[in-house]
Amino acid sequence: MAAGGADLAEMGDADLTWRRGAALLPGDRVRHRGRRGTVGFHNDDGAAVTLGTAHGHEPALLRFHCARNLHGRVCGGRDGAAPLCAACTRFGVETAPLLASGANPRLHHITFDGGGRPPERALLLAHEVEKAGAITGVHRTSWVGAAFQNGDVVVVEAGVVTPRALAFPFPLPLPLPLPLPLPLPLPLALPLPLPLPLPLPLPLPLPLTQTLTLTLPLP
């Protein structure tokens, strides 16, 4: 399942991958010099705004507009030249220094996290930012209770990581008659702080205060 921008915003760095130079779309989560942000500008009504095409030869005259139909009138019209709604008018005041800075206003519009009012915004090239993506994987119910550690042997096939050996918590009624019948039914795991591998058959009786963990290789 693909993660949206809101989901990615809640994830920590350990759950994300970052790619530089990836195609950017409004709402994408990005990182620039360690700072996170979102692609796209919004006015204080929360409406996404785009840069109008009117006065394209004069960047300082370009205006952002949301193109919402308010009271029978489209904010900014088709090209941004028509009258603006109140929220876009305020947005124009906020972004006037950005448009007057000399940066190409048609670069990617990045709004940085931080909760400032107004928020910090920037105009950046795609290769200047890293695009966030969720680390994807496959969860299997049988993996509950299992944990990966350095040195574990796994198989990677079609993007799915499968451990070659799994351990599962399973109560061991003690004492048990030994030797145990082999092969043992899976899944089987018995928590015991004993060194592994253990010699079979195990000596009996085992103290009831102990637990046993058997790690069984999967075919």
C-alpha atoms as a PDB file:
ATOM      1  CA  MET A   1       0.000   0.000   0.000  1.00  0.00           C
ATOM      2  CA  ALA A   2       1.433   3.359  -1.000  1.00  0.00           C
ATOM      3  CA  ALA A   3       1.890   5.873   1.783  1.00  0.00           C
ATOM      4  CA  GLY A   4       0.547   9.378   1.232  1.00  0.00           C
ATOM      5  CA  GLY A   5       2.171  12.627   2.249  1.00  0.00           C
ATOM      6  CA  ALA A   6       0.294  12.730   5.560  1.00  0.00           C
ATOM      7  CA  ASP A   7       1.463   9.200   6.412  1.00  0.00           C
ATOM      8  CA  LEU A   8       5.070   9.985   5.487  1.00  0.00           C
ATOM      9  CA  ALA A   9       4.978  13.113   7.644  1.00  0.00           C
ATOM     10  CA  GLU A  10       4.320  10.926  10.686  1.00  0.00           C
ATOM     11  CA  MET A  11       7.167   8.493   9.973  1.00  0.00           C
ATOM     12  CA  GLY A  12      10.646   8.706  11.436  1.00  0.00           C
ATOM     13  CA  ASP A  13      13.837   8.634   9.398  1.00  0.00           C
ATOM     14  CA  ALA A  14      14.285   4.925  10.162  1.00  0.00           C
ATOM     15  CA  ASP A  15      11.055   4.174   8.249  1.00  0.00           C
ATOM     16  CA  LEU A  16      11.844   6.300   5.192  1.00  0.00           C
ATOM     17  CA  THR A  17      14.019   6.187   2.113  1.00  0.00           C
ATOM     18  CA  TRP A  18      15.244   9.382   0.430  1.00  0.00           C
ATOM     19  CA  ARG A  19      15.939   9.825  -3.299  1.00  0.00           C
ATOM     20  CA  ARG A  20      17.520  12.861  -4.923  1.00  0.00           C
ATOM     21  CA  GLY A  21      16.384  13.988  -8.357  1.00  0.00           C
ATOM     22  CA  ALA A  22      13.083  12.087  -8.271  1.00  0.00           C
ATOM     23  CA  ALA A  23      10.038  13.532 -10.021  1.00  0.00           C
ATOM     24  CA  LEU A  24       8.100  15.730  -7.607  1.00  0.00           C
ATOM     25  CA  LEU A  25       4.341  16.135  -7.326  1.00  0.00           C
ATOM     26  CA  PRO A  26       2.223  18.356  -5.078  1.00  0.00           C
ATOM     27  CA  GLY A  27       1.947  16.797  -1.642  1.00  0.00           C
ATOM     28  CA  ASP A  28       5.219  14.859  -1.864  1.00  0.00           C
ATOM     29  CA  ARG A  29       7.353  14.859   1.268  1.00  0.00           C
ATOM     30  CA  VAL A  30      10.903  16.151   0.724  1.00  0.00           C
ATOM     31  CA  ARG A  31      14.052  17.017   2.647  1.00  0.00           C
ATOM     32  CA  HIS A  32      16.430  19.901   1.942  1.00  0.00           C
ATOM     33  CA  ARG A  33      19.664  20.217   3.919  1.00  0.00           C
ATOM     34  CA  GLY A  34      18.196  18.152   6.723  1.00  0.00           C
ATOM     35  CA  ARG A  35      14.915  20.052   6.873  1.00  0.00           C
ATOM     36  CA  ARG A  36      11.661  18.358   5.957  1.00  0.00           C
ATOM     37  CA  GLY A  37       8.887  19.918   3.960  1.00  0.00           C
ATOM     38  CA  THR A  38       6.083  19.356   1.476  1.00  0.00           C
ATOM     39  CA  VAL A  39       5.845  20.138  -2.224  1.00  0.00           C
ATOM     40  CA  GLY A  40       3.251  22.826  -2.849  1.00  0.00           C
ATOM     41  CA  PHE A  41       2.020  26.112  -1.443  1.00  0.00           C
ATOM     42  CA  HIS A  42      -1.304  26.659   0.348  1.00  0.00           C
ATOM     43  CA  ASN A  43      -3.044  29.839   1.368  1.00  0.00           C
ATOM     44  CA  ASP A  44      -4.296  30.378   4.914  1.00  0.00           C
ATOM     45  CA  ASP A  45      -7.637  28.781   3.958  1.00  0.00           C
ATOM     46  CA  GLY A  46      -5.698  25.577   3.296  1.00  0.00           C
ATOM     47  CA  ALA A  47      -6.365  25.748  -0.456  1.00  0.00           C
ATOM     48  CA  ALA A  48      -3.564  24.738  -2.811  1.00  0.00           C
ATOM     49  CA  VAL A  49      -2.345  27.627  -4.957  1.00  0.00           C
ATOM     50  CA  THR A  50      -0.632  27.627  -8.336  1.00  0.00           C
ATOM     51  CA  LEU A  51       1.368  30.256 -10.140  1.00  0.00           C
ATOM     52  CA  GLY A  52      -0.601  32.163 -12.740  1.00  0.00           C
ATOM     53  CA  THR A  53       0.599  32.452 -16.332  1.00  0.00           C
ATOM     54  CA  ALA A  54      -0.351  36.099 -16.836  1.00  0.00           C
ATOM     55  CA  HIS A  55       2.594  38.513 -16.953  1.00  0.00           C
ATOM     56  CA  GLY A  56       4.962  35.590 -17.507  1.00  0.00           C
ATOM     57  CA  HIS A  57       7.601  37.961 -18.914  1.00  0.00           C
ATOM     58  CA  GLU A  58       7.583  39.900 -15.628  1.00  0.00           C
ATOM     59  CA  PRO A  59       8.207  37.450 -12.754  1.00  0.00           C
ATOM     60  CA  ALA A  60       7.584  40.133 -10.149  1.00  0.00           C
ATOM     61  CA  LEU A  61       4.032  40.510 -11.495  1.00  0.00           C
ATOM     62  CA  LEU A  62       3.191  36.804 -11.304  1.00  0.00           C
ATOM     63  CA  ARG A  63       0.545  35.876  -8.758  1.00  0.00           C
ATOM     64  CA  PHE A  64      -0.481  32.720  -6.954  1.00  0.00           C
ATOM     65  CA  HIS A  65      -4.154  31.834  -7.067  1.00  0.00           C
ATOM     66  CA  CYS A  66      -6.291  28.941  -5.848  1.00  0.00           C
ATOM     67  CA  ALA A  67      -8.830  28.955  -8.737  1.00  0.00           C
ATOM     68  CA  ARG A  68     -11.668  28.182  -6.317  1.00  0.00           C
ATOM     69  CA  ASN A  69     -15.166  29.180  -7.329  1.00  0.00           C
ATOM     70  CA  LEU A  70     -16.230  31.547  -4.568  1.00  0.00           C
ATOM     71  CA  HIS A  71     -19.526  33.382  -4.773  1.00  0.00           C
ATOM     72  CA  GLY A  72     -19.757  32.672  -8.490  1.00  0.00           C
ATOM     73  CA  ARG A  73     -16.280  33.973  -9.300  1.00  0.00           C
ATOM     74  CA  VAL A  74     -13.134  31.924  -9.916  1.00  0.00           C
ATOM     75  CA  CYS A  75     -10.215  33.211  -7.880  1.00  0.00           C
ATOM     76  CA  GLY A  76      -7.574  34.476 -10.286  1.00  0.00           C
ATOM     77  CA  GLY A  77      -9.485  33.280 -13.321  1.00  0.00           C
ATOM     78  CA  ARG A  78      -7.739  30.940 -15.745  1.00  0.00           C
ATOM     79  CA  ASP A  79      -4.348  32.647 -15.712  1.00  0.00           C
ATOM     80  CA  GLY A  80      -4.158  34.464 -12.383  1.00  0.00           C
ATOM     81  CA  ALA A  81      -4.985  37.862 -13.826  1.00  0.00           C
ATOM     82  CA  ALA A  82      -8.551  38.048 -12.453  1.00  0.00           C
ATOM     83  CA  PRO A  83      -9.321  39.320  -8.942  1.00  0.00           C
ATOM     84  CA  LEU A  84      -8.103  37.133  -6.107  1.00  0.00           C
ATOM     85  CA  CYS A  85      -9.972  35.838  -3.101  1.00  0.00           C
ATOM     86  CA  ALA A  86      -9.078  37.287   0.297  1.00  0.00           C
ATOM     87  CA  ALA A  87      -6.891  34.308   1.248  1.00  0.00           C
ATOM     88  CA  CYS A  88      -4.876  34.485  -1.978  1.00  0.00           C
ATOM     89  CA  THR A  89      -4.516  38.240  -1.615  1.00  0.00           C
ATOM     90  CA  ARG A  90      -2.952  37.679   1.805  1.00  0.00           C
ATOM     91  CA  PHE A  91      -0.820  34.892   0.344  1.00  0.00           C
ATOM     92  CA  GLY A  92       0.440  37.296  -2.302  1.00  0.00           C
ATOM     93  CA  VAL A  93       1.605  39.699   0.394  1.00  0.00           C
ATOM     94  CA  GLU A  94       3.400  36.870   2.217  1.00  0.00           C
ATOM     95  CA  THR A  95       5.178  35.616  -0.906  1.00  0.00           C
ATOM     96  CA  ALA A  96       6.030  38.974  -2.457  1.00  0.00           C
ATOM     97  CA  PRO A  97       9.603  38.889  -1.046  1.00  0.00           C
ATOM     98  CA  LEU A  98      10.054  35.357  -2.422  1.00  0.00           C
ATOM     99  CA  LEU A  99       8.975  36.392  -5.919  1.00  0.00           C
ATOM    100  CA  ALA A 100      11.153  39.505  -5.723  1.00  0.00           C
ATOM    101  CA  SER A 101      14.217  37.507  -4.633  1.00  0.00           C
ATOM    102  CA  GLY A 102      15.244  36.739  -8.199  1.00  0.00           C
ATOM    103  CA  ALA A 103      14.649  32.976  -7.884  1.00  0.00           C
ATOM    104  CA  ASN A 104      12.789  31.384 -10.769  1.00  0.00           C
ATOM    105  CA  PRO A 105       9.162  31.338  -9.543  1.00  0.00           C
ATOM    106  CA  ARG A 106       8.451  28.270 -11.659  1.00  0.00           C
ATOM    107  CA  LEU A 107      10.782  26.065  -9.656  1.00  0.00           C
ATOM    108  CA  HIS A 108       9.310  23.559  -7.223  1.00  0.00           C
ATOM    109  CA  HIS A 109       7.372  25.228  -4.432  1.00  0.00           C
ATOM    110  CA  ILE A 110       8.498  23.827  -1.070  1.00  0.00           C
ATOM    111  CA  THR A 111       6.811  24.590   2.249  1.00  0.00           C
ATOM    112  CA  PHE A 112       9.001  23.654   5.209  1.00  0.00           C
ATOM    113  CA  ASP A 113       7.742  22.087   8.427  1.00  0.00           C
ATOM    114  CA  GLY A 114       7.915  24.115  11.587  1.00  0.00           C
ATOM    115  CA  GLY A 115       4.502  25.596  12.150  1.00  0.00           C
ATOM    116  CA  GLY A 116       5.569  29.222  11.641  1.00  0.00           C
ATOM    117  CA  ARG A 117       3.053  31.842  10.607  1.00  0.00           C
ATOM    118  CA  PRO A 118       3.547  32.323   7.778  1.00  0.00           C
ATOM    119  CA  PRO A 119       5.480  29.094   7.151  1.00  0.00           C
ATOM    120  CA  GLU A 120       8.906  29.259   5.553  1.00  0.00           C
ATOM    121  CA  ARG A 121       8.779  28.652   1.814  1.00  0.00           C
ATOM    122  CA  ALA A 122      11.402  28.146  -0.894  1.00  0.00           C
ATOM    123  CA  LEU A 123      11.738  27.746  -4.661  1.00  0.00           C
ATOM    124  CA  LEU A 124      14.038  24.802  -5.387  1.00  0.00           C
ATOM    125  CA  LEU A 125      15.183  22.542  -8.209  1.00  0.00           C
ATOM    126  CA  ALA A 126      14.307  18.844  -8.067  1.00  0.00           C
ATOM    127  CA  HIS A 127      17.955  17.815  -7.608  1.00  0.00           C
ATOM    128  CA  GLU A 128      18.239  20.136  -4.596  1.00  0.00           C
ATOM    129  CA  VAL A 129      15.803  18.090  -2.522  1.00  0.00           C
ATOM    130  CA  GLU A 130      15.402  14.455  -1.548  1.00  0.00           C
ATOM    131  CA  LYS A 131      12.015  12.813  -1.979  1.00  0.00           C
ATOM    132  CA  ALA A 132      10.714  10.627   0.843  1.00  0.00           C
ATOM    133  CA  GLY A 133       9.319   7.157   0.379  1.00  0.00           C
ATOM    134  CA  ALA A 134       8.201   4.526   2.858  1.00  0.00           C
ATOM    135  CA  ILE A 135      10.289   1.433   3.404  1.00  0.00           C
ATOM    136  CA  THR A 136       8.026  -1.323   2.138  1.00  0.00           C
ATOM    137  CA  GLY A 137       7.882  -4.891   3.332  1.00  0.00           C
ATOM    138  CA  VAL A 138       5.656  -7.878   3.837  1.00  0.00           C
ATOM    139  CA  HIS A 139       4.238  -8.802   7.225  1.00  0.00           C
ATOM    140  CA  ARG A 140       3.331 -12.396   7.930  1.00  0.00           C
ATOM    141  CA  THR A 141       1.308 -13.465  10.932  1.00  0.00           C
ATOM    142  CA  SER A 142       3.762 -16.294  11.561  1.00  0.00           C
ATOM    143  CA  TRP A 143       6.507 -13.727  12.144  1.00  0.00           C
ATOM    144  CA  VAL A 144       4.873 -12.378  15.307  1.00  0.00           C
ATOM    145  CA  GLY A 145       7.371 -12.817  18.106  1.00  0.00           C
ATOM    146  CA  ALA A 146      10.307 -13.218  15.734  1.00  0.00           C
ATOM    147  CA  ALA A 147      13.092 -10.656  15.544  1.00  0.00           C
ATOM    148  CA  PHE A 148      15.935 -10.079  13.104  1.00  0.00           C
ATOM    149  CA  GLN A 149      19.457  -9.759  14.457  1.00  0.00           C
ATOM    150  CA  ASN A 150      22.853  -9.164  12.919  1.00  0.00           C
ATOM    151  CA  GLY A 151      24.062 -12.422  11.429  1.00  0.00           C
ATOM    152  CA  ASP A 152      20.623 -13.877  10.697  1.00  0.00           C
ATOM    153  CA  VAL A 153      20.413 -15.687   7.366  1.00  0.00           C
ATOM    154  CA  VAL A 154      17.572 -14.478   5.157  1.00  0.00           C
ATOM    155  CA  VAL A 155      16.315 -15.037   1.638  1.00  0.00           C
ATOM    156  CA  VAL A 156      15.335 -12.038  -0.512  1.00  0.00           C
ATOM    157  CA  GLU A 157      13.008 -12.941  -3.353  1.00  0.00           C
ATOM    158  CA  ALA A 158      10.780 -10.548  -5.291  1.00  0.00           C
ATOM    159  CA  GLY A 159      11.314  -7.903  -2.622  1.00  0.00           C
ATOM    160  CA  VAL A 160      10.201 -10.196   0.211  1.00  0.00           C
ATOM    161  CA  VAL A 161      12.632 -10.928   3.061  1.00  0.00           C
ATOM    162  CA  THR A 162      12.140 -14.374   4.567  1.00  0.00           C
ATOM    163  CA  PRO A 163      14.194 -15.639   7.502  1.00  0.00           C
ATOM    164  CA  ARG A 164      15.708 -19.074   7.046  1.00  0.00           C
ATOM    165  CA  ALA A 165      15.103 -19.819  10.700  1.00  0.00           C
ATOM    166  CA  LEU A 166      12.282 -18.591  12.889  1.00  0.00           C
ATOM    167  CA  ALA A 167      11.608 -18.821  16.604  1.00  0.00           C
ATOM    168  CA  PHE A 168       8.170 -18.515  18.114  1.00  0.00           C
ATOM    169  CA  PRO A 169       7.127 -18.287  21.772  1.00  0.00           C
ATOM    170  CA  PHE A 170       5.436 -21.525  22.689  1.00  0.00           C
ATOM    171  CA  PRO A 171       4.982 -22.909  26.216  1.00  0.00           C
ATOM    172  CA  LEU A 172       6.930 -26.074  26.964  1.00  0.00           C
ATOM    173  CA  PRO A 173       5.139 -28.429  29.353  1.00  0.00           C
ATOM    174  CA  LEU A 174       7.818 -29.879  31.549  1.00  0.00           C
ATOM    175  CA  PRO A 175       8.914 -32.549  31.937  1.00  0.00           C
ATOM    176  CA  LEU A 176       8.594 -34.018  28.439  1.00  0.00           C
ATOM    177  CA  PRO A 177       9.565 -37.522  27.416  1.00  0.00           C
ATOM    178  CA  LEU A 178      12.714 -37.578  25.350  1.00  0.00           C
ATOM    179  CA  PRO A 179      13.937 -38.082  22.733  1.00  0.00           C
ATOM    180  CA  LEU A 180      11.430 -35.797  21.039  1.00  0.00           C
ATOM    181  CA  PRO A 181       9.843 -37.109  17.849  1.00  0.00           C
ATOM    182  CA  LEU A 182      11.448 -35.659  14.736  1.00  0.00           C
ATOM    183  CA  PRO A 183      10.599 -33.831  12.589  1.00  0.00           C
ATOM    184  CA  LEU A 184       8.887 -31.547  15.074  1.00  0.00           C
ATOM    185  CA  PRO A 185       5.680 -29.731  14.025  1.00  0.00           C
ATOM    186  CA  LEU A 186       6.145 -26.054  13.179  1.00  0.00           C
ATOM    187  CA  PRO A 187       5.939 -23.434  14.486  1.00  0.00           C
ATOM    188  CA  LEU A 188       7.711 -24.392  17.696  1.00  0.00           C
ATOM    189  CA  ALA A 189       9.665 -22.171  20.037  1.00  0.00           C
ATOM    190  CA  LEU A 190      10.263 -22.511  23.715  1.00  0.00           C
ATOM    191  CA  PRO A 191      11.826 -19.589  25.672  1.00  0.00           C
ATOM    192  CA  LEU A 192      14.939 -20.845  27.537  1.00  0.00           C
ATOM    193  CA  PRO A 193      18.182 -19.017  28.398  1.00  0.00           C
ATOM    194  CA  LEU A 194      20.315 -21.996  27.317  1.00  0.00           C
ATOM    195  CA  PRO A 195      23.196 -22.033  24.809  1.00  0.00           C
ATOM    196  CA  LEU A 196      22.191 -23.182  21.347  1.00  0.00           C
ATOM    197  CA  PRO A 197      22.408 -25.502  19.552  1.00  0.00           C
ATOM    198  CA  LEU A 198      21.412 -27.957  22.269  1.00  0.00           C
ATOM    199  CA  PRO A 199      22.343 -31.649  22.107  1.00  0.00           C
ATOM    200  CA  LEU A 200      19.437 -33.994  21.537  1.00  0.00           C
ATOM    201  CA  PRO A 201      18.081 -35.851  23.391  1.00  0.00           C
ATOM    202  CA  LEU A 202      17.948 -33.292  26.183  1.00  0.00           C
ATOM    203  CA  PRO A 203      18.604 -34.461  29.733  1.00  0.00           C
ATOM    204  CA  LEU A 204      15.589 -34.707  31.965  1.00  0.00           C
ATOM    205  CA  PRO A 205      14.160 -33.429  34.187  1.00  0.00           C
ATOM    206  CA  LEU A 206      14.394 -29.766  33.200  1.00  0.00           C
ATOM    207  CA  PRO A 207      13.614 -27.299  36.003  1.00  0.00           C
ATOM    208  CA  LEU A 208      10.200 -25.738  35.572  1.00  0.00           C
ATOM    209  CA  THR A 209      11.748 -22.323  36.167  1.00  0.00           C
ATOM    210  CA  GLN A 210      13.688 -22.633  32.909  1.00  0.00           C
ATOM    211  CA  THR A 211      12.478 -22.079  29.392  1.00  0.00           C
ATOM    212  CA  LEU A 212      13.813 -23.449  26.162  1.00  0.00           C
ATOM    213  CA  THR A 213      14.129 -21.850  22.726  1.00  0.00           C
ATOM    214  CA  LEU A 214      14.516 -24.127  19.721  1.00  0.00           C
ATOM    215  CA  THR A 215      15.320 -22.505  16.384  1.00  0.00           C
ATOM    216  CA  LEU A 216      14.311 -24.829  13.600  1.00  0.00           C
ATOM    217  CA  PRO A 217      15.560 -24.317  10.016  1.00  0.00           C
ATOM    218  CA  LEU A 218      12.814 -24.012   7.451  1.00  0.00           C
ATOM    219  CA  PRO A 219      12.992 -26.037   4.249  1.00  0.00           C
END
